[in-house]
Amino acid sequence: MNSVFQIIGPVMVGPSSSHTAGAVLLGLAARSILGGQPVAARILLHGSFAQTYRGHGTDIALVAGLLGMAPDDERIPDSMRWAKELGLDASIESADLGDVHPNTVRMELTGADGRRLDITGSSIGGGNIVITRIGKFDVQFKGENHALVVSYKDQPGVIANITSILAGEHVNIATMNVSREAKHGTALAIIELDQPVSSEATALVAQVNGVSTVMSLPPLAVS
């Protein structure tokens, strides 16, 4: 059964749930995955996003999300000005990203610490989104639940140790998406959860042998 949100759409600064509210959420998701506000963002718009972004405000919505604004933030129309004030150098381009959803964007981000990360996602209707690629990894992350994003060396026992820690915290796993570069290479796990993870549990996950980084993400979907 569809929720009221799915039927009537999100509370937002218009005009389009897909091209505006969804774009804000894509920016918010990318900001969370990066671990904070980027200092530079090269934003590549594909398909319908590229064709209609000026009229629908997709560009300013994506930048607003990268700045941490919610879809109903009244500052969204002025996000480009806010970007300059808050130290985000954002550029917008059209691009052919291949066989992907028409409302797709790739955000090539640089963090305050110099870390660079490419994040691709799509706005799939009604303000709903899906992140489809993080760096070199294909993923499926909709931002509807609390989540852990863990990068690690592909080796036996890593996932088992992580899930054991979560079980000890009485945190229930909703879904898990695991991708790897190659056998025994770098892997990425997105573990969506029914409850938030404590800072203590997140620290324990970070100490698991083979784990490189771990991020705890809040839900991103608007209800």
Protein backbone atom coordinates (compact mmCIF):
# COMPACT_ATOMS: atom_id res chain seq x y z
CA MET A 1 0.00 0.00 0.00
CA ASN A 2 1.30 3.46 -0.88
CA SER A 3 1.93 5.93 1.92
CA VAL A 4 0.31 9.36 1.92
CA PHE A 5 3.76 10.73 1.07
CA GLN A 6 3.97 8.55 -2.03
CA ILE A 7 0.51 9.68 -3.17
CA ILE A 8 0.66 13.45 -2.62
CA GLY A 9 4.41 13.98 -2.61
CA PRO A 10 6.80 15.64 -0.13
CA VAL A 11 6.61 19.02 1.57
CA MET A 12 9.03 21.05 -0.50
CA VAL A 13 10.02 24.28 -2.18
CA GLY A 14 8.67 23.49 -5.72
CA PRO A 15 8.07 23.10 -8.53
CA SER A 16 8.76 19.36 -9.03
CA SER A 17 9.01 16.45 -6.60
CA SER A 18 11.37 14.59 -8.96
CA HIS A 19 13.45 17.48 -10.25
CA THR A 20 13.48 19.63 -7.12
CA ALA A 21 12.73 17.73 -3.89
CA GLY A 22 14.46 14.60 -5.17
CA ALA A 23 17.44 16.65 -6.27
CA VAL A 24 17.75 18.18 -2.79
CA LEU A 25 17.76 14.69 -1.28
CA LEU A 26 20.41 13.53 -3.75
CA GLY A 27 22.60 16.41 -2.62
CA LEU A 28 21.93 15.60 1.04
CA ALA A 29 22.78 11.95 0.47
CA ALA A 30 26.04 12.84 -1.27
CA ARG A 31 26.95 15.25 1.54
CA SER A 32 26.35 12.53 4.15
CA ILE A 33 28.33 9.92 2.24
CA LEU A 34 31.23 12.33 1.78
CA GLY A 35 31.12 13.04 5.50
CA GLY A 36 30.39 16.76 5.38
CA GLN A 37 29.97 19.74 3.10
CA PRO A 38 32.20 19.62 0.01
CA VAL A 39 34.37 22.57 -0.93
CA ALA A 40 34.01 21.80 -4.64
CA ALA A 41 31.35 20.01 -6.66
CA ARG A 42 31.30 19.25 -10.37
CA ILE A 43 27.67 18.33 -11.04
CA LEU A 44 26.93 16.34 -14.22
CA LEU A 45 23.25 16.20 -15.21
CA HIS A 46 21.90 13.44 -17.43
CA GLY A 47 18.76 13.05 -19.52
CA SER A 48 15.68 14.89 -18.30
CA PHE A 49 17.72 16.52 -15.55
CA ALA A 50 19.99 18.04 -18.20
CA GLN A 51 17.11 19.12 -20.43
CA THR A 52 14.89 20.83 -17.86
CA TYR A 53 17.10 21.75 -14.92
CA ARG A 54 16.86 25.50 -15.46
CA GLY A 55 13.08 25.58 -15.39
CA HIS A 56 12.74 23.12 -12.52
CA GLY A 57 15.61 24.42 -10.42
CA THR A 58 17.40 21.07 -10.32
CA ASP A 59 20.79 22.73 -10.21
CA ILE A 60 19.99 24.98 -7.25
CA ALA A 61 18.23 22.06 -5.51
CA LEU A 62 21.29 19.80 -5.78
CA VAL A 63 23.54 22.57 -4.45
CA ALA A 64 21.07 23.21 -1.62
CA GLY A 65 21.28 19.57 -0.60
CA LEU A 66 25.07 19.65 -0.67
CA LEU A 67 24.84 22.63 1.70
CA GLY A 68 22.65 20.63 4.09
CA MET A 69 19.28 22.20 3.27
CA ALA A 70 16.07 20.15 3.46
CA PRO A 71 13.52 20.07 0.59
CA ASP A 72 11.28 22.61 2.37
CA ASP A 73 14.09 25.09 3.17
CA GLU A 74 13.11 28.59 2.03
CA ARG A 75 16.75 29.34 1.18
CA ILE A 76 16.78 26.87 -1.73
CA PRO A 77 16.14 29.51 -4.46
CA ASP A 78 19.26 31.36 -3.23
CA SER A 79 21.45 28.27 -2.82
CA MET A 80 24.04 29.45 -5.35
CA ARG A 81 24.57 32.62 -3.33
CA TRP A 82 24.74 30.60 -0.14
CA ALA A 83 27.28 28.29 -1.78
CA LYS A 84 29.62 31.21 -2.36
CA GLU A 85 29.19 32.42 1.22
CA LEU A 86 29.72 28.96 2.69
CA GLY A 87 32.75 28.06 0.57
CA LEU A 88 31.29 25.62 -1.96
CA ASP A 89 32.55 26.04 -5.53
CA ALA A 90 29.86 24.36 -7.65
CA SER A 91 29.71 23.92 -11.42
CA ILE A 92 26.86 22.49 -13.50
CA GLU A 93 27.28 20.55 -16.75
CA SER A 94 25.21 18.31 -19.01
CA ALA A 95 26.56 14.83 -19.68
CA ASP A 96 25.62 11.45 -21.14
CA LEU A 97 25.96 9.02 -18.23
CA GLY A 98 24.94 6.00 -20.27
CA ASP A 99 22.05 3.60 -19.75
CA VAL A 100 20.68 5.09 -16.53
CA HIS A 101 17.46 6.65 -15.26
CA PRO A 102 16.67 9.95 -17.06
CA ASN A 103 16.78 11.86 -13.77
CA THR A 104 20.37 10.98 -12.93
CA VAL A 105 23.25 13.08 -11.66
CA ARG A 106 26.91 12.39 -10.98
CA MET A 107 28.48 14.60 -8.33
CA GLU A 108 32.26 14.77 -8.35
CA LEU A 109 32.99 16.09 -4.87
CA THR A 110 36.01 17.36 -2.99
CA GLY A 111 35.82 17.48 0.80
CA ALA A 112 37.38 20.00 3.14
CA ASP A 113 40.13 17.47 3.87
CA GLY A 114 40.95 17.13 0.15
CA ARG A 115 39.22 13.77 -0.20
CA ARG A 116 37.61 13.27 -3.62
CA LEU A 117 34.57 11.09 -4.17
CA ASP A 118 32.21 10.58 -7.12
CA ILE A 119 28.59 9.78 -6.24
CA THR A 120 25.86 8.94 -8.76
CA GLY A 121 22.15 8.86 -8.01
CA SER A 122 18.70 9.16 -9.53
CA SER A 123 15.44 10.84 -8.56
CA ILE A 124 12.84 8.16 -9.20
CA GLY A 125 9.58 10.01 -8.53
CA GLY A 126 7.60 11.50 -5.67
CA GLY A 127 10.72 12.87 -4.03
CA ASN A 128 12.26 9.40 -3.75
CA ILE A 129 15.89 8.78 -4.67
CA VAL A 130 18.39 5.99 -5.12
CA ILE A 131 22.17 6.26 -4.93
CA THR A 132 23.53 3.90 -7.59
CA ARG A 133 27.29 4.38 -7.41
CA ILE A 134 29.80 5.46 -4.76
CA GLY A 135 33.31 5.78 -6.12
CA LYS A 136 34.02 2.56 -8.01
CA PHE A 137 31.17 0.62 -6.42
CA ASP A 138 27.70 -0.04 -7.77
CA VAL A 139 25.18 0.25 -4.94
CA GLN A 140 21.44 0.56 -4.28
CA PHE A 141 20.82 2.99 -1.43
CA LYS A 142 17.55 4.91 -1.07
CA GLY A 143 18.29 6.72 2.18
CA GLU A 144 15.02 5.60 3.79
CA ASN A 145 16.68 3.98 6.83
CA HIS A 146 19.57 4.51 9.18
CA ALA A 147 22.66 3.04 7.56
CA LEU A 148 26.30 2.14 7.99
CA VAL A 149 28.59 2.59 4.99
CA VAL A 150 31.70 0.48 5.52
CA SER A 151 34.75 0.14 3.29
CA TYR A 152 36.99 -2.83 4.01
CA LYS A 153 39.36 -5.42 2.59
CA ASP A 154 37.44 -8.34 1.06
CA GLN A 155 38.36 -11.16 3.41
CA PRO A 156 36.54 -13.80 5.48
CA GLY A 157 34.97 -12.71 8.74
CA VAL A 158 34.58 -8.96 8.21
CA ILE A 159 30.83 -8.95 7.56
CA ALA A 160 30.26 -11.59 10.25
CA ASN A 161 32.09 -9.45 12.82
CA ILE A 162 30.14 -6.33 11.84
CA THR A 163 26.77 -8.09 12.04
CA SER A 164 27.76 -9.58 15.40
CA ILE A 165 28.42 -6.10 16.77
CA LEU A 166 25.04 -4.89 15.50
CA ALA A 167 23.30 -7.92 17.03
CA GLY A 168 24.96 -7.16 20.35
CA GLU A 169 23.47 -3.66 20.15
CA HIS A 170 20.02 -5.12 19.32
CA VAL A 171 20.08 -3.26 16.00
CA ASN A 172 18.09 -4.99 13.29
CA ILE A 173 19.42 -5.11 9.71
CA ALA A 174 16.82 -4.14 7.09
CA THR A 175 18.94 -4.69 3.97
CA MET A 176 22.60 -5.15 3.08
CA ASN A 177 24.31 -4.33 -0.21
CA VAL A 178 27.90 -5.51 -0.69
CA SER A 179 30.13 -4.69 -3.66
CA ARG A 180 33.83 -5.28 -4.28
CA GLU A 181 36.46 -4.19 -6.80
CA ALA A 182 37.89 -7.70 -7.06
CA LYS A 183 38.34 -10.84 -4.99
CA HIS A 184 40.38 -9.92 -1.88
CA GLY A 185 40.35 -6.28 -3.03
CA THR A 186 38.55 -3.26 -1.57
CA ALA A 187 34.87 -3.81 -0.79
CA LEU A 188 31.99 -1.58 0.24
CA ALA A 189 28.99 -2.55 2.36
CA ILE A 190 25.86 -0.45 2.81
CA ILE A 191 23.95 -1.86 5.77
CA GLU A 192 20.49 -0.34 6.21
CA LEU A 193 19.10 -0.57 9.74
CA ASP A 194 15.82 -0.25 11.60
CA GLN A 195 17.45 1.70 14.43
CA PRO A 196 20.33 4.16 14.71
CA VAL A 197 23.74 2.82 15.70
CA SER A 198 25.42 4.16 18.82
CA SER A 199 28.75 5.92 18.55
CA GLU A 200 30.25 3.10 20.64
CA ALA A 201 29.06 0.44 18.19
CA THR A 202 30.27 2.49 15.23
CA ALA A 203 33.69 2.70 16.88
CA LEU A 204 33.73 -1.09 17.36
CA VAL A 205 32.91 -1.60 13.68
CA ALA A 206 35.80 0.71 12.78
CA GLN A 207 38.14 -1.53 14.81
CA VAL A 208 37.18 -4.74 12.96
CA ASN A 209 40.22 -6.22 11.23
CA GLY A 210 40.14 -5.20 7.57
CA VAL A 211 37.80 -2.21 7.95
CA SER A 212 39.15 1.03 6.45
CA THR A 213 36.34 3.52 7.05
CA VAL A 214 32.84 3.51 8.52
CA MET A 215 30.12 6.17 8.29
CA SER A 216 26.82 6.27 10.12
CA LEU A 217 24.06 7.90 8.05
CA PRO A 218 20.64 9.11 9.20
CA PRO A 219 17.50 8.54 7.12
CA LEU A 220 17.30 10.98 4.21
CA ALA A 221 13.77 10.46 2.90
CA VAL A 222 11.15 13.06 3.76
CA SER A 223 7.93 11.81 5.32
